[in-house]
């Protein structure tokens, strides 16, 4: 894991990339929609952070009891990541299905792509892999142009962007890393979720 030093603080590059992505992503959404992004975008991010961190106490209970403040410095590892992504999936499913919800399944995919394309661009940049960052930024710009032109993000387009991202990560990162696999799994879940919800409303 790469770390970035800011003054007296040393922070993980992936955490900085995630925070940058969440705020820049919200700004891009506001630019297109002329309104703030819905709470699900922020809530999903904080659900991930909360579960990922708190799961440390579950999987390392004795260490947590002995040194409670270790929760500030450690996380739940691979198991915690799996639980965190599962938590996001359940939350988004519940939010769409709950009574009187104004959130639609097709709202999720644009936010998903904006966030994670920004995240990978930032991660490559913070890791000083500038060539990879440039390639990733190119895909990001293509998606933003696509998004700002109000072209509907159909399932077919979503699969195309997911495949292009998989190609980039296979060249410049470890596509089979647990974190990357979980991110792609979430994307596939949202694509399937959108397709099934669309068919349901058509009947």
N, C-alpha and C. Protein backbone atom coordinates (compact mmCIF):
# COMPACT_ATOMS: atom_id res chain seq x y z
N UNK A 1 0.84 -1.19 0.00
CA UNK A 1 0.00 0.00 0.00
C UNK A 1 0.87 1.24 0.00
N UNK A 2 0.55 2.22 -0.85
CA UNK A 2 1.30 3.46 -0.92
C UNK A 2 0.74 4.47 0.08
N UNK A 3 1.63 5.30 0.60
CA UNK A 3 1.24 6.32 1.57
C UNK A 3 1.67 7.70 1.08
N UNK A 4 0.88 8.70 1.44
CA UNK A 4 1.15 10.08 1.09
C UNK A 4 1.36 10.88 2.37
N UNK A 5 2.42 11.67 2.41
CA UNK A 5 2.70 12.48 3.59
C UNK A 5 2.20 13.90 3.37
N UNK A 6 1.33 14.34 4.27
CA UNK A 6 0.80 15.72 4.24
C UNK A 6 1.16 16.38 5.56
N UNK A 7 2.22 17.20 5.53
CA UNK A 7 2.68 17.80 6.76
C UNK A 7 3.19 16.75 7.72
N UNK A 8 2.58 16.67 8.88
CA UNK A 8 2.98 15.68 9.88
C UNK A 8 2.19 14.39 9.78
N UNK A 9 1.25 14.33 8.82
CA UNK A 9 0.38 13.17 8.71
C UNK A 9 0.76 12.30 7.51
N UNK A 10 0.68 11.01 7.72
CA UNK A 10 0.90 10.05 6.65
C UNK A 10 -0.38 9.25 6.45
N UNK A 11 -0.94 9.34 5.24
CA UNK A 11 -2.24 8.72 4.97
C UNK A 11 -2.12 7.75 3.81
N UNK A 12 -2.92 6.67 3.83
CA UNK A 12 -2.92 5.72 2.71
C UNK A 12 -3.38 6.39 1.42
N UNK A 13 -2.72 6.08 0.32
CA UNK A 13 -3.08 6.67 -0.97
C UNK A 13 -4.51 6.32 -1.37
N UNK A 14 -4.95 5.10 -1.06
CA UNK A 14 -6.31 4.70 -1.46
C UNK A 14 -7.37 5.50 -0.71
N UNK A 15 -7.08 5.85 0.55
CA UNK A 15 -8.04 6.65 1.32
C UNK A 15 -8.14 8.06 0.75
N UNK A 16 -7.00 8.65 0.40
CA UNK A 16 -7.00 9.99 -0.20
C UNK A 16 -7.71 9.96 -1.55
N UNK A 17 -7.46 8.93 -2.34
CA UNK A 17 -8.12 8.81 -3.64
C UNK A 17 -9.63 8.68 -3.49
N UNK A 18 -10.06 7.94 -2.47
CA UNK A 18 -11.50 7.75 -2.23
C UNK A 18 -12.17 9.06 -1.81
N UNK A 19 -11.53 9.81 -0.92
CA UNK A 19 -12.12 11.08 -0.48
C UNK A 19 -12.15 12.09 -1.62
N UNK A 20 -11.09 12.12 -2.43
CA UNK A 20 -11.09 13.01 -3.58
C UNK A 20 -12.20 12.63 -4.55
N UNK A 21 -12.38 11.33 -4.77
CA UNK A 21 -13.38 10.85 -5.72
C UNK A 21 -14.80 11.18 -5.26
N UNK A 22 -15.06 11.06 -3.98
CA UNK A 22 -16.42 11.28 -3.48
C UNK A 22 -16.84 12.75 -3.65
N UNK A 23 -15.92 13.66 -3.41
CA UNK A 23 -16.26 15.09 -3.50
C UNK A 23 -16.25 15.58 -4.95
N UNK A 24 -15.27 15.16 -5.74
CA UNK A 24 -15.24 15.57 -7.14
C UNK A 24 -16.42 14.95 -7.89
N UNK A 25 -16.75 13.70 -7.55
CA UNK A 25 -17.89 13.04 -8.17
C UNK A 25 -19.18 13.80 -7.91
N UNK A 26 -19.35 14.28 -6.68
CA UNK A 26 -20.55 15.05 -6.34
C UNK A 26 -20.61 16.36 -7.14
N UNK A 27 -19.45 16.97 -7.38
CA UNK A 27 -19.40 18.22 -8.15
C UNK A 27 -19.77 17.98 -9.62
N UNK A 28 -19.29 16.86 -10.17
CA UNK A 28 -19.63 16.52 -11.56
C UNK A 28 -21.13 16.28 -11.70
N UNK A 29 -21.71 15.60 -10.73
CA UNK A 29 -23.16 15.36 -10.75
C UNK A 29 -23.92 16.69 -10.70
N UNK A 30 -23.47 17.59 -9.82
CA UNK A 30 -24.13 18.89 -9.71
C UNK A 30 -24.03 19.68 -11.01
N UNK A 31 -22.88 19.56 -11.69
CA UNK A 31 -22.67 20.27 -12.95
C UNK A 31 -23.68 19.82 -14.00
N UNK A 32 -23.97 18.53 -14.03
CA UNK A 32 -24.90 18.02 -15.03
C UNK A 32 -26.35 18.19 -14.62
N UNK A 33 -26.67 17.80 -13.40
CA UNK A 33 -28.07 17.76 -12.96
C UNK A 33 -28.57 19.07 -12.37
N UNK A 34 -27.65 20.00 -12.09
CA UNK A 34 -28.01 21.30 -11.50
C UNK A 34 -28.64 21.13 -10.11
N UNK A 35 -28.26 20.07 -9.42
CA UNK A 35 -28.72 19.84 -8.06
C UNK A 35 -27.74 18.91 -7.36
N UNK A 36 -27.84 18.84 -6.04
CA UNK A 36 -26.94 17.98 -5.28
C UNK A 36 -27.28 16.52 -5.52
N UNK A 37 -26.27 15.68 -5.47
CA UNK A 37 -26.49 14.25 -5.63
C UNK A 37 -27.26 13.71 -4.43
N UNK A 38 -28.05 12.67 -4.65
CA UNK A 38 -28.88 12.13 -3.58
C UNK A 38 -28.03 11.53 -2.46
N UNK A 39 -28.64 11.38 -1.30
CA UNK A 39 -27.92 10.93 -0.11
C UNK A 39 -27.33 9.53 -0.26
N UNK A 40 -27.90 8.71 -1.16
CA UNK A 40 -27.39 7.33 -1.30
C UNK A 40 -25.91 7.33 -1.66
N UNK A 41 -25.46 8.34 -2.40
CA UNK A 41 -24.07 8.42 -2.84
C UNK A 41 -23.14 8.57 -1.63
N UNK A 42 -23.48 9.52 -0.77
CA UNK A 42 -22.68 9.75 0.44
C UNK A 42 -22.84 8.61 1.43
N UNK A 43 -24.08 8.15 1.60
CA UNK A 43 -24.33 7.09 2.57
C UNK A 43 -23.58 5.80 2.21
N UNK A 44 -23.52 5.47 0.93
CA UNK A 44 -22.80 4.27 0.51
C UNK A 44 -21.33 4.35 0.89
N UNK A 45 -20.75 5.53 0.71
CA UNK A 45 -19.34 5.74 1.04
C UNK A 45 -19.11 5.55 2.54
N UNK A 46 -19.96 6.16 3.34
CA UNK A 46 -19.78 6.08 4.79
C UNK A 46 -20.15 4.71 5.34
N UNK A 47 -21.08 4.02 4.70
CA UNK A 47 -21.39 2.63 5.09
C UNK A 47 -20.16 1.77 4.89
N UNK A 48 -19.49 1.97 3.75
CA UNK A 48 -18.27 1.20 3.48
C UNK A 48 -17.21 1.46 4.55
N UNK A 49 -16.94 2.73 4.82
CA UNK A 49 -15.91 3.09 5.80
C UNK A 49 -16.26 2.53 7.17
N UNK A 50 -17.54 2.68 7.58
CA UNK A 50 -17.96 2.24 8.91
C UNK A 50 -17.81 0.72 9.06
N UNK A 51 -18.32 -0.03 8.08
CA UNK A 51 -18.25 -1.49 8.18
C UNK A 51 -16.80 -1.97 8.10
N UNK A 52 -16.05 -1.38 7.19
CA UNK A 52 -14.65 -1.78 7.00
C UNK A 52 -13.83 -1.57 8.28
N UNK A 53 -14.08 -0.45 8.94
CA UNK A 53 -13.35 -0.16 10.18
C UNK A 53 -13.88 -0.98 11.35
N UNK A 54 -15.19 -1.00 11.54
CA UNK A 54 -15.77 -1.66 12.71
C UNK A 54 -15.62 -3.18 12.65
N UNK A 55 -15.50 -3.71 11.44
CA UNK A 55 -15.34 -5.16 11.33
C UNK A 55 -14.03 -5.64 11.95
N UNK A 56 -13.10 -4.72 12.14
CA UNK A 56 -11.85 -5.08 12.84
C UNK A 56 -12.16 -5.63 14.23
N UNK A 57 -13.14 -4.99 14.89
CA UNK A 57 -13.51 -5.43 16.24
C UNK A 57 -14.12 -6.83 16.23
N UNK A 58 -14.77 -7.19 15.11
CA UNK A 58 -15.38 -8.52 15.02
C UNK A 58 -14.33 -9.59 14.77
N UNK A 59 -13.45 -9.32 13.83
CA UNK A 59 -12.47 -10.33 13.42
C UNK A 59 -11.22 -10.35 14.30
N UNK A 60 -11.05 -9.32 15.12
CA UNK A 60 -9.91 -9.26 16.04
C UNK A 60 -10.41 -8.86 17.42
N UNK A 61 -11.41 -9.61 17.90
CA UNK A 61 -12.12 -9.20 19.10
C UNK A 61 -11.20 -9.08 20.32
N UNK A 62 -10.33 -10.07 20.52
CA UNK A 62 -9.46 -10.05 21.70
C UNK A 62 -8.51 -8.85 21.66
N UNK A 63 -7.92 -8.61 20.49
CA UNK A 63 -7.03 -7.46 20.37
C UNK A 63 -7.78 -6.15 20.58
N UNK A 64 -9.02 -6.09 20.08
CA UNK A 64 -9.82 -4.89 20.25
C UNK A 64 -10.15 -4.65 21.72
N UNK A 65 -10.50 -5.72 22.44
CA UNK A 65 -10.81 -5.59 23.86
C UNK A 65 -9.57 -5.13 24.65
N UNK A 66 -8.41 -5.69 24.28
CA UNK A 66 -7.18 -5.32 24.98
C UNK A 66 -6.76 -3.88 24.67
N UNK A 67 -6.90 -3.49 23.41
CA UNK A 67 -6.50 -2.13 23.00
C UNK A 67 -7.59 -1.53 22.10
N UNK A 68 -8.63 -0.96 22.69
CA UNK A 68 -9.75 -0.42 21.91
C UNK A 68 -9.34 0.63 20.87
N UNK A 69 -8.30 1.41 21.19
CA UNK A 69 -7.90 2.46 20.27
C UNK A 69 -7.25 1.92 19.00
N UNK A 70 -6.97 0.62 18.98
CA UNK A 70 -6.42 0.02 17.76
C UNK A 70 -7.41 0.13 16.61
N UNK A 71 -8.70 0.33 16.93
CA UNK A 71 -9.73 0.48 15.91
C UNK A 71 -9.46 1.69 15.02
N UNK A 72 -8.76 2.68 15.57
CA UNK A 72 -8.44 3.89 14.82
C UNK A 72 -7.40 3.64 13.74
N UNK A 73 -6.57 2.63 13.95
CA UNK A 73 -5.43 2.41 13.07
C UNK A 73 -5.57 1.19 12.16
N UNK A 74 -6.48 0.29 12.51
CA UNK A 74 -6.61 -0.95 11.75
C UNK A 74 -8.01 -1.10 11.18
N UNK A 75 -8.17 -2.08 10.31
CA UNK A 75 -9.48 -2.34 9.70
C UNK A 75 -9.72 -3.85 9.64
N UNK A 76 -10.83 -4.22 9.06
CA UNK A 76 -11.21 -5.63 9.04
C UNK A 76 -10.56 -6.47 7.97
N UNK A 77 -9.62 -5.88 7.21
CA UNK A 77 -8.91 -6.64 6.19
C UNK A 77 -9.82 -7.10 5.06
N UNK A 78 -9.46 -8.20 4.45
CA UNK A 78 -10.22 -8.72 3.31
C UNK A 78 -11.66 -9.04 3.70
N UNK A 79 -11.83 -9.68 4.86
CA UNK A 79 -13.18 -10.01 5.32
C UNK A 79 -14.01 -8.75 5.53
N UNK A 80 -13.36 -7.72 6.06
CA UNK A 80 -14.05 -6.45 6.28
C UNK A 80 -14.47 -5.79 4.97
N UNK A 81 -13.61 -5.89 3.96
CA UNK A 81 -13.96 -5.35 2.65
C UNK A 81 -15.17 -6.06 2.05
N UNK A 82 -15.18 -7.37 2.17
CA UNK A 82 -16.31 -8.15 1.65
C UNK A 82 -17.61 -7.74 2.34
N UNK A 83 -17.56 -7.63 3.67
CA UNK A 83 -18.74 -7.21 4.42
C UNK A 83 -19.18 -5.80 4.03
N UNK A 84 -18.19 -4.92 3.80
CA UNK A 84 -18.50 -3.53 3.47
C UNK A 84 -19.21 -3.43 2.12
N UNK A 85 -18.72 -4.15 1.11
CA UNK A 85 -19.37 -4.12 -0.20
C UNK A 85 -20.73 -4.80 -0.15
N UNK A 86 -20.85 -5.85 0.67
CA UNK A 86 -22.14 -6.49 0.85
C UNK A 86 -23.12 -5.52 1.51
N UNK A 87 -22.63 -4.74 2.45
CA UNK A 87 -23.46 -3.73 3.11
C UNK A 87 -23.98 -2.70 2.13
N UNK A 88 -23.13 -2.25 1.20
CA UNK A 88 -23.55 -1.29 0.18
C UNK A 88 -24.61 -1.90 -0.72
N UNK A 89 -24.39 -3.14 -1.15
CA UNK A 89 -25.35 -3.81 -2.03
C UNK A 89 -26.71 -3.93 -1.37
N UNK A 90 -26.73 -4.33 -0.11
CA UNK A 90 -27.99 -4.47 0.62
C UNK A 90 -28.66 -3.12 0.80
N UNK A 91 -27.87 -2.10 1.12
CA UNK A 91 -28.43 -0.76 1.33
C UNK A 91 -29.08 -0.23 0.06
N UNK A 92 -28.42 -0.36 -1.08
CA UNK A 92 -28.96 0.15 -2.33
C UNK A 92 -30.21 -0.63 -2.75
N UNK A 93 -30.20 -1.94 -2.51
CA UNK A 93 -31.39 -2.75 -2.81
C UNK A 93 -32.56 -2.31 -1.94
N UNK A 94 -32.31 -2.14 -0.65
CA UNK A 94 -33.37 -1.72 0.28
C UNK A 94 -33.90 -0.34 -0.07
N UNK A 95 -32.99 0.57 -0.44
CA UNK A 95 -33.39 1.94 -0.73
C UNK A 95 -34.31 2.01 -1.93
N UNK A 96 -34.02 1.21 -2.94
CA UNK A 96 -34.85 1.21 -4.15
C UNK A 96 -36.20 0.56 -3.89
N UNK A 97 -36.21 -0.45 -3.04
CA UNK A 97 -37.42 -1.23 -2.82
C UNK A 97 -38.34 -0.67 -1.74
N UNK A 98 -37.83 0.22 -0.93
CA UNK A 98 -38.67 0.68 0.18
C UNK A 98 -39.85 1.50 -0.33
N UNK A 99 -40.91 1.52 0.42
CA UNK A 99 -42.15 2.17 0.03
C UNK A 99 -41.93 3.68 -0.14
N UNK A 100 -42.52 4.23 -1.21
CA UNK A 100 -42.47 5.67 -1.51
C UNK A 100 -41.06 6.17 -1.82
N UNK A 101 -40.16 5.28 -2.19
CA UNK A 101 -38.80 5.70 -2.54
C UNK A 101 -38.81 6.39 -3.90
N UNK A 102 -38.08 7.49 -4.01
CA UNK A 102 -37.95 8.21 -5.28
C UNK A 102 -36.68 7.80 -6.02
N UNK A 103 -35.88 6.93 -5.42
CA UNK A 103 -34.64 6.47 -6.02
C UNK A 103 -34.93 5.33 -6.98
N UNK A 104 -34.34 5.40 -8.17
CA UNK A 104 -34.50 4.36 -9.17
C UNK A 104 -33.17 3.62 -9.36
N UNK A 105 -33.26 2.38 -9.79
CA UNK A 105 -32.06 1.57 -9.96
C UNK A 105 -31.08 2.19 -10.95
N UNK A 106 -31.60 2.87 -11.99
CA UNK A 106 -30.70 3.46 -13.00
C UNK A 106 -29.95 4.68 -12.48
N UNK A 107 -30.32 5.17 -11.29
CA UNK A 107 -29.59 6.29 -10.70
C UNK A 107 -28.21 5.87 -10.21
N UNK A 108 -28.04 4.59 -9.93
CA UNK A 108 -26.82 4.14 -9.27
C UNK A 108 -25.60 4.06 -10.18
N UNK A 109 -25.78 3.56 -11.40
CA UNK A 109 -24.63 3.28 -12.25
C UNK A 109 -23.80 4.52 -12.60
N UNK A 110 -24.42 5.67 -12.95
CA UNK A 110 -23.58 6.85 -13.22
C UNK A 110 -22.73 7.24 -12.01
N UNK A 111 -23.31 7.22 -10.82
CA UNK A 111 -22.55 7.53 -9.62
C UNK A 111 -21.44 6.54 -9.36
N UNK A 112 -21.73 5.27 -9.62
CA UNK A 112 -20.73 4.21 -9.45
C UNK A 112 -19.53 4.46 -10.35
N UNK A 113 -19.79 4.72 -11.63
CA UNK A 113 -18.69 4.91 -12.58
C UNK A 113 -17.91 6.20 -12.30
N UNK A 114 -18.61 7.27 -12.01
CA UNK A 114 -17.91 8.53 -11.72
C UNK A 114 -16.98 8.34 -10.53
N UNK A 115 -17.50 7.72 -9.47
CA UNK A 115 -16.68 7.56 -8.26
C UNK A 115 -15.47 6.68 -8.52
N UNK A 116 -15.68 5.50 -9.08
CA UNK A 116 -14.58 4.56 -9.18
C UNK A 116 -13.58 4.92 -10.30
N UNK A 117 -14.03 5.56 -11.36
CA UNK A 117 -13.08 6.03 -12.37
C UNK A 117 -12.20 7.15 -11.79
N UNK A 118 -12.81 8.02 -11.00
CA UNK A 118 -12.03 9.04 -10.29
C UNK A 118 -11.09 8.40 -9.28
N UNK A 119 -11.59 7.40 -8.58
CA UNK A 119 -10.79 6.71 -7.56
C UNK A 119 -9.54 6.09 -8.16
N UNK A 120 -9.70 5.34 -9.26
CA UNK A 120 -8.54 4.69 -9.86
C UNK A 120 -7.57 5.71 -10.46
N UNK A 121 -8.11 6.79 -11.03
CA UNK A 121 -7.24 7.84 -11.56
C UNK A 121 -6.41 8.44 -10.43
N UNK A 122 -7.06 8.77 -9.33
CA UNK A 122 -6.34 9.34 -8.19
C UNK A 122 -5.34 8.37 -7.60
N UNK A 123 -5.72 7.09 -7.53
CA UNK A 123 -4.83 6.09 -6.94
C UNK A 123 -3.55 5.93 -7.76
N UNK A 124 -3.70 5.89 -9.09
CA UNK A 124 -2.52 5.81 -9.95
C UNK A 124 -1.66 7.07 -9.81
N UNK A 125 -2.32 8.22 -9.74
CA UNK A 125 -1.58 9.49 -9.62
C UNK A 125 -0.83 9.57 -8.30
N UNK A 126 -1.50 9.23 -7.20
CA UNK A 126 -0.87 9.26 -5.88
C UNK A 126 0.26 8.23 -5.79
N UNK A 127 0.13 7.15 -6.56
CA UNK A 127 1.18 6.13 -6.57
C UNK A 127 2.32 6.49 -7.52
N UNK A 128 2.20 7.67 -8.15
CA UNK A 128 3.21 8.20 -9.08
C UNK A 128 3.40 7.31 -10.31
N UNK A 129 2.38 6.60 -10.67
CA UNK A 129 2.39 5.85 -11.92
C UNK A 129 1.69 6.73 -12.95
N UNK A 130 2.42 7.68 -13.49
CA UNK A 130 1.82 8.74 -14.28
C UNK A 130 1.28 8.25 -15.61
N UNK A 131 1.93 7.27 -16.22
CA UNK A 131 1.42 6.74 -17.49
C UNK A 131 0.07 6.06 -17.28
N UNK A 132 -0.01 5.23 -16.25
CA UNK A 132 -1.28 4.57 -15.93
C UNK A 132 -2.35 5.60 -15.57
N UNK A 133 -1.94 6.64 -14.83
CA UNK A 133 -2.88 7.70 -14.45
C UNK A 133 -3.41 8.41 -15.69
N UNK A 134 -2.55 8.62 -16.68
CA UNK A 134 -2.97 9.29 -17.91
C UNK A 134 -3.97 8.44 -18.70
N UNK A 135 -3.70 7.14 -18.79
CA UNK A 135 -4.62 6.24 -19.49
C UNK A 135 -5.96 6.18 -18.77
N UNK A 136 -5.88 6.07 -17.43
CA UNK A 136 -7.11 6.02 -16.63
C UNK A 136 -7.89 7.32 -16.73
N UNK A 137 -7.17 8.44 -16.73
CA UNK A 137 -7.82 9.75 -16.86
C UNK A 137 -8.51 9.89 -18.21
N UNK A 138 -7.94 9.28 -19.25
CA UNK A 138 -8.56 9.32 -20.58
C UNK A 138 -9.93 8.63 -20.56
N UNK A 139 -9.99 7.46 -19.91
CA UNK A 139 -11.27 6.77 -19.78
C UNK A 139 -12.24 7.59 -18.93
N UNK A 140 -11.73 8.22 -17.89
CA UNK A 140 -12.56 9.07 -17.04
C UNK A 140 -13.16 10.22 -17.84
N UNK A 141 -12.34 10.90 -18.64
CA UNK A 141 -12.81 12.02 -19.45
C UNK A 141 -13.85 11.55 -20.47
N UNK A 142 -13.61 10.39 -21.08
CA UNK A 142 -14.58 9.85 -22.03
C UNK A 142 -15.92 9.60 -21.37
N UNK A 143 -15.88 9.04 -20.14
CA UNK A 143 -17.13 8.78 -19.44
C UNK A 143 -17.83 10.09 -19.06
N UNK A 144 -17.07 11.07 -18.59
CA UNK A 144 -17.67 12.35 -18.20
C UNK A 144 -18.31 13.02 -19.41
N UNK A 145 -17.62 13.00 -20.56
CA UNK A 145 -18.20 13.57 -21.78
C UNK A 145 -19.49 12.83 -22.16
N UNK A 146 -19.45 11.53 -22.06
CA UNK A 146 -20.62 10.69 -22.32
C UNK A 146 -21.75 11.09 -21.37
N UNK A 147 -21.42 11.24 -20.11
CA UNK A 147 -22.41 11.55 -19.07
C UNK A 147 -22.99 12.95 -19.25
N UNK A 148 -22.13 13.94 -19.53
CA UNK A 148 -22.58 15.32 -19.66
C UNK A 148 -23.42 15.54 -20.92
N UNK A 149 -23.26 14.68 -21.92
CA UNK A 149 -24.05 14.79 -23.15
C UNK A 149 -25.44 14.19 -22.98
N UNK A 150 -25.75 13.80 -21.73
CA UNK A 150 -27.06 13.24 -21.36
C UNK A 150 -27.42 11.99 -22.16
N UNK A 151 -26.39 11.23 -22.59
CA UNK A 151 -26.65 9.94 -23.21
C UNK A 151 -27.01 8.95 -22.10
N UNK A 152 -28.09 8.25 -22.27
CA UNK A 152 -28.53 7.34 -21.22
C UNK A 152 -27.54 6.20 -21.04
N UNK A 153 -27.18 5.96 -19.78
CA UNK A 153 -26.23 4.88 -19.48
C UNK A 153 -26.99 3.56 -19.44
N UNK A 154 -27.14 2.96 -20.60
CA UNK A 154 -27.83 1.68 -20.68
C UNK A 154 -26.93 0.58 -20.14
N UNK A 155 -27.51 -0.59 -19.99
CA UNK A 155 -26.75 -1.75 -19.52
C UNK A 155 -25.59 -2.05 -20.48
N UNK A 156 -25.84 -1.91 -21.78
CA UNK A 156 -24.80 -2.20 -22.78
C UNK A 156 -23.62 -1.24 -22.64
N UNK A 157 -23.90 0.05 -22.48
CA UNK A 157 -22.83 1.03 -22.29
C UNK A 157 -22.09 0.76 -20.98
N UNK A 158 -22.83 0.41 -19.94
CA UNK A 158 -22.21 0.14 -18.64
C UNK A 158 -21.24 -1.03 -18.74
N UNK A 159 -21.63 -2.08 -19.43
CA UNK A 159 -20.75 -3.24 -19.62
C UNK A 159 -19.51 -2.84 -20.40
N UNK A 160 -19.68 -1.98 -21.41
CA UNK A 160 -18.53 -1.51 -22.20
C UNK A 160 -17.52 -0.78 -21.32
N UNK A 161 -17.99 0.16 -20.51
CA UNK A 161 -17.08 0.90 -19.63
C UNK A 161 -16.44 -0.01 -18.59
N UNK A 162 -17.19 -0.97 -18.12
CA UNK A 162 -16.63 -1.92 -17.14
C UNK A 162 -15.53 -2.76 -17.77
N UNK A 163 -15.72 -3.17 -19.02
CA UNK A 163 -14.72 -3.96 -19.72
C UNK A 163 -13.47 -3.13 -20.01
N UNK A 164 -13.64 -1.86 -20.38
CA UNK A 164 -12.50 -0.98 -20.62
C UNK A 164 -11.70 -0.78 -19.33
N UNK A 165 -12.40 -0.63 -18.21
CA UNK A 165 -11.71 -0.49 -16.93
C UNK A 165 -10.97 -1.77 -16.57
N UNK A 166 -11.57 -2.90 -16.84
CA UNK A 166 -10.90 -4.18 -16.56
C UNK A 166 -9.63 -4.30 -17.39
N UNK A 167 -9.66 -3.83 -18.63
CA UNK A 167 -8.48 -3.87 -19.49
C UNK A 167 -7.36 -3.01 -18.90
N UNK A 168 -7.71 -1.80 -18.45
CA UNK A 168 -6.71 -0.90 -17.87
C UNK A 168 -6.09 -1.50 -16.62
N UNK A 169 -6.91 -2.06 -15.75
CA UNK A 169 -6.38 -2.63 -14.51
C UNK A 169 -5.56 -3.88 -14.78
N UNK A 170 -5.92 -4.62 -15.83
CA UNK A 170 -5.12 -5.80 -16.15
C UNK A 170 -3.74 -5.42 -16.67
N UNK A 171 -3.61 -4.21 -17.22
CA UNK A 171 -2.32 -3.74 -17.74
C UNK A 171 -1.47 -3.07 -16.67
N UNK A 172 -2.12 -2.33 -15.77
CA UNK A 172 -1.36 -1.48 -14.85
C UNK A 172 -1.53 -1.83 -13.37
N UNK A 173 -2.38 -2.78 -13.07
CA UNK A 173 -2.61 -3.14 -11.68
C UNK A 173 -2.86 -4.64 -11.62
N UNK A 174 -3.35 -5.07 -10.48
CA UNK A 174 -3.70 -6.49 -10.31
C UNK A 174 -5.21 -6.62 -10.38
N UNK A 175 -5.69 -7.02 -11.55
CA UNK A 175 -7.13 -7.13 -11.75
C UNK A 175 -7.77 -8.09 -10.77
N UNK A 176 -7.00 -9.11 -10.35
CA UNK A 176 -7.54 -10.15 -9.47
C UNK A 176 -7.36 -9.83 -7.99
N UNK A 177 -6.86 -8.64 -7.67
CA UNK A 177 -6.78 -8.23 -6.26
C UNK A 177 -8.19 -8.19 -5.68
N UNK A 178 -8.31 -8.55 -4.42
CA UNK A 178 -9.63 -8.66 -3.79
C UNK A 178 -10.42 -7.36 -3.93
N UNK A 179 -9.77 -6.23 -3.65
CA UNK A 179 -10.48 -4.94 -3.72
C UNK A 179 -11.02 -4.70 -5.12
N UNK A 180 -10.20 -4.95 -6.15
CA UNK A 180 -10.65 -4.74 -7.52
C UNK A 180 -11.79 -5.69 -7.90
N UNK A 181 -11.68 -6.93 -7.50
CA UNK A 181 -12.74 -7.89 -7.78
C UNK A 181 -14.05 -7.48 -7.11
N UNK A 182 -13.96 -6.97 -5.90
CA UNK A 182 -15.17 -6.53 -5.19
C UNK A 182 -15.80 -5.32 -5.88
N UNK A 183 -14.97 -4.40 -6.36
CA UNK A 183 -15.48 -3.23 -7.07
C UNK A 183 -16.20 -3.66 -8.35
N UNK A 184 -15.59 -4.58 -9.09
CA UNK A 184 -16.23 -5.07 -10.31
C UNK A 184 -17.50 -5.86 -10.00
N UNK A 185 -17.47 -6.62 -8.92
CA UNK A 185 -18.66 -7.36 -8.52
C UNK A 185 -19.81 -6.42 -8.21
N UNK A 186 -19.51 -5.31 -7.53
CA UNK A 186 -20.55 -4.32 -7.24
C UNK A 186 -21.10 -3.73 -8.53
N UNK A 187 -20.22 -3.45 -9.49
CA UNK A 187 -20.67 -2.92 -10.77
C UNK A 187 -21.57 -3.90 -11.50
N UNK A 188 -21.20 -5.16 -11.53
CA UNK A 188 -22.01 -6.19 -12.18
C UNK A 188 -23.36 -6.33 -11.47
N UNK A 189 -23.32 -6.27 -10.13
CA UNK A 189 -24.55 -6.33 -9.34
C UNK A 189 -25.49 -5.20 -9.73
N UNK A 190 -24.95 -3.98 -9.85
CA UNK A 190 -25.79 -2.82 -10.18
C UNK A 190 -26.33 -2.91 -11.61
N UNK A 191 -25.53 -3.47 -12.52
CA UNK A 191 -26.00 -3.65 -13.89
C UNK A 191 -27.16 -4.64 -13.93
N UNK A 192 -27.00 -5.77 -13.24
CA UNK A 192 -28.07 -6.77 -13.18
C UNK A 192 -29.30 -6.20 -12.48
N UNK A 193 -29.06 -5.46 -11.40
CA UNK A 193 -30.15 -4.86 -10.64
C UNK A 193 -30.95 -3.90 -11.52
N UNK A 194 -30.24 -3.08 -12.31
CA UNK A 194 -30.92 -2.14 -13.20
C UNK A 194 -31.72 -2.88 -14.26
N UNK A 195 -31.14 -3.93 -14.84
CA UNK A 195 -31.84 -4.69 -15.88
C UNK A 195 -33.12 -5.33 -15.34
N UNK A 196 -33.03 -5.95 -14.18
CA UNK A 196 -34.20 -6.63 -13.62
C UNK A 196 -35.28 -5.64 -13.21
N UNK A 197 -34.88 -4.50 -12.67
CA UNK A 197 -35.87 -3.50 -12.28
C UNK A 197 -36.55 -2.90 -13.50
N UNK A 198 -35.79 -2.70 -14.58
CA UNK A 198 -36.37 -2.17 -15.81
C UNK A 198 -37.41 -3.13 -16.36
N UNK A 199 -37.08 -4.42 -16.37
CA UNK A 199 -38.02 -5.42 -16.89
C UNK A 199 -39.25 -5.51 -16.01
N UNK A 200 -39.06 -5.35 -14.70
CA UNK A 200 -40.19 -5.46 -13.77
C UNK A 200 -41.19 -4.34 -14.00
N UNK A 201 -40.66 -3.11 -14.23
CA UNK A 201 -41.56 -1.98 -14.42
C UNK A 201 -42.23 -1.98 -15.78
N UNK A 202 -41.65 -2.73 -16.72
CA UNK A 202 -42.25 -2.80 -18.05
C UNK A 202 -43.45 -3.76 -18.08
N UNK A 203 -43.51 -4.69 -17.11
CA UNK A 203 -44.60 -5.68 -17.09
C UNK A 203 -45.80 -5.16 -16.32
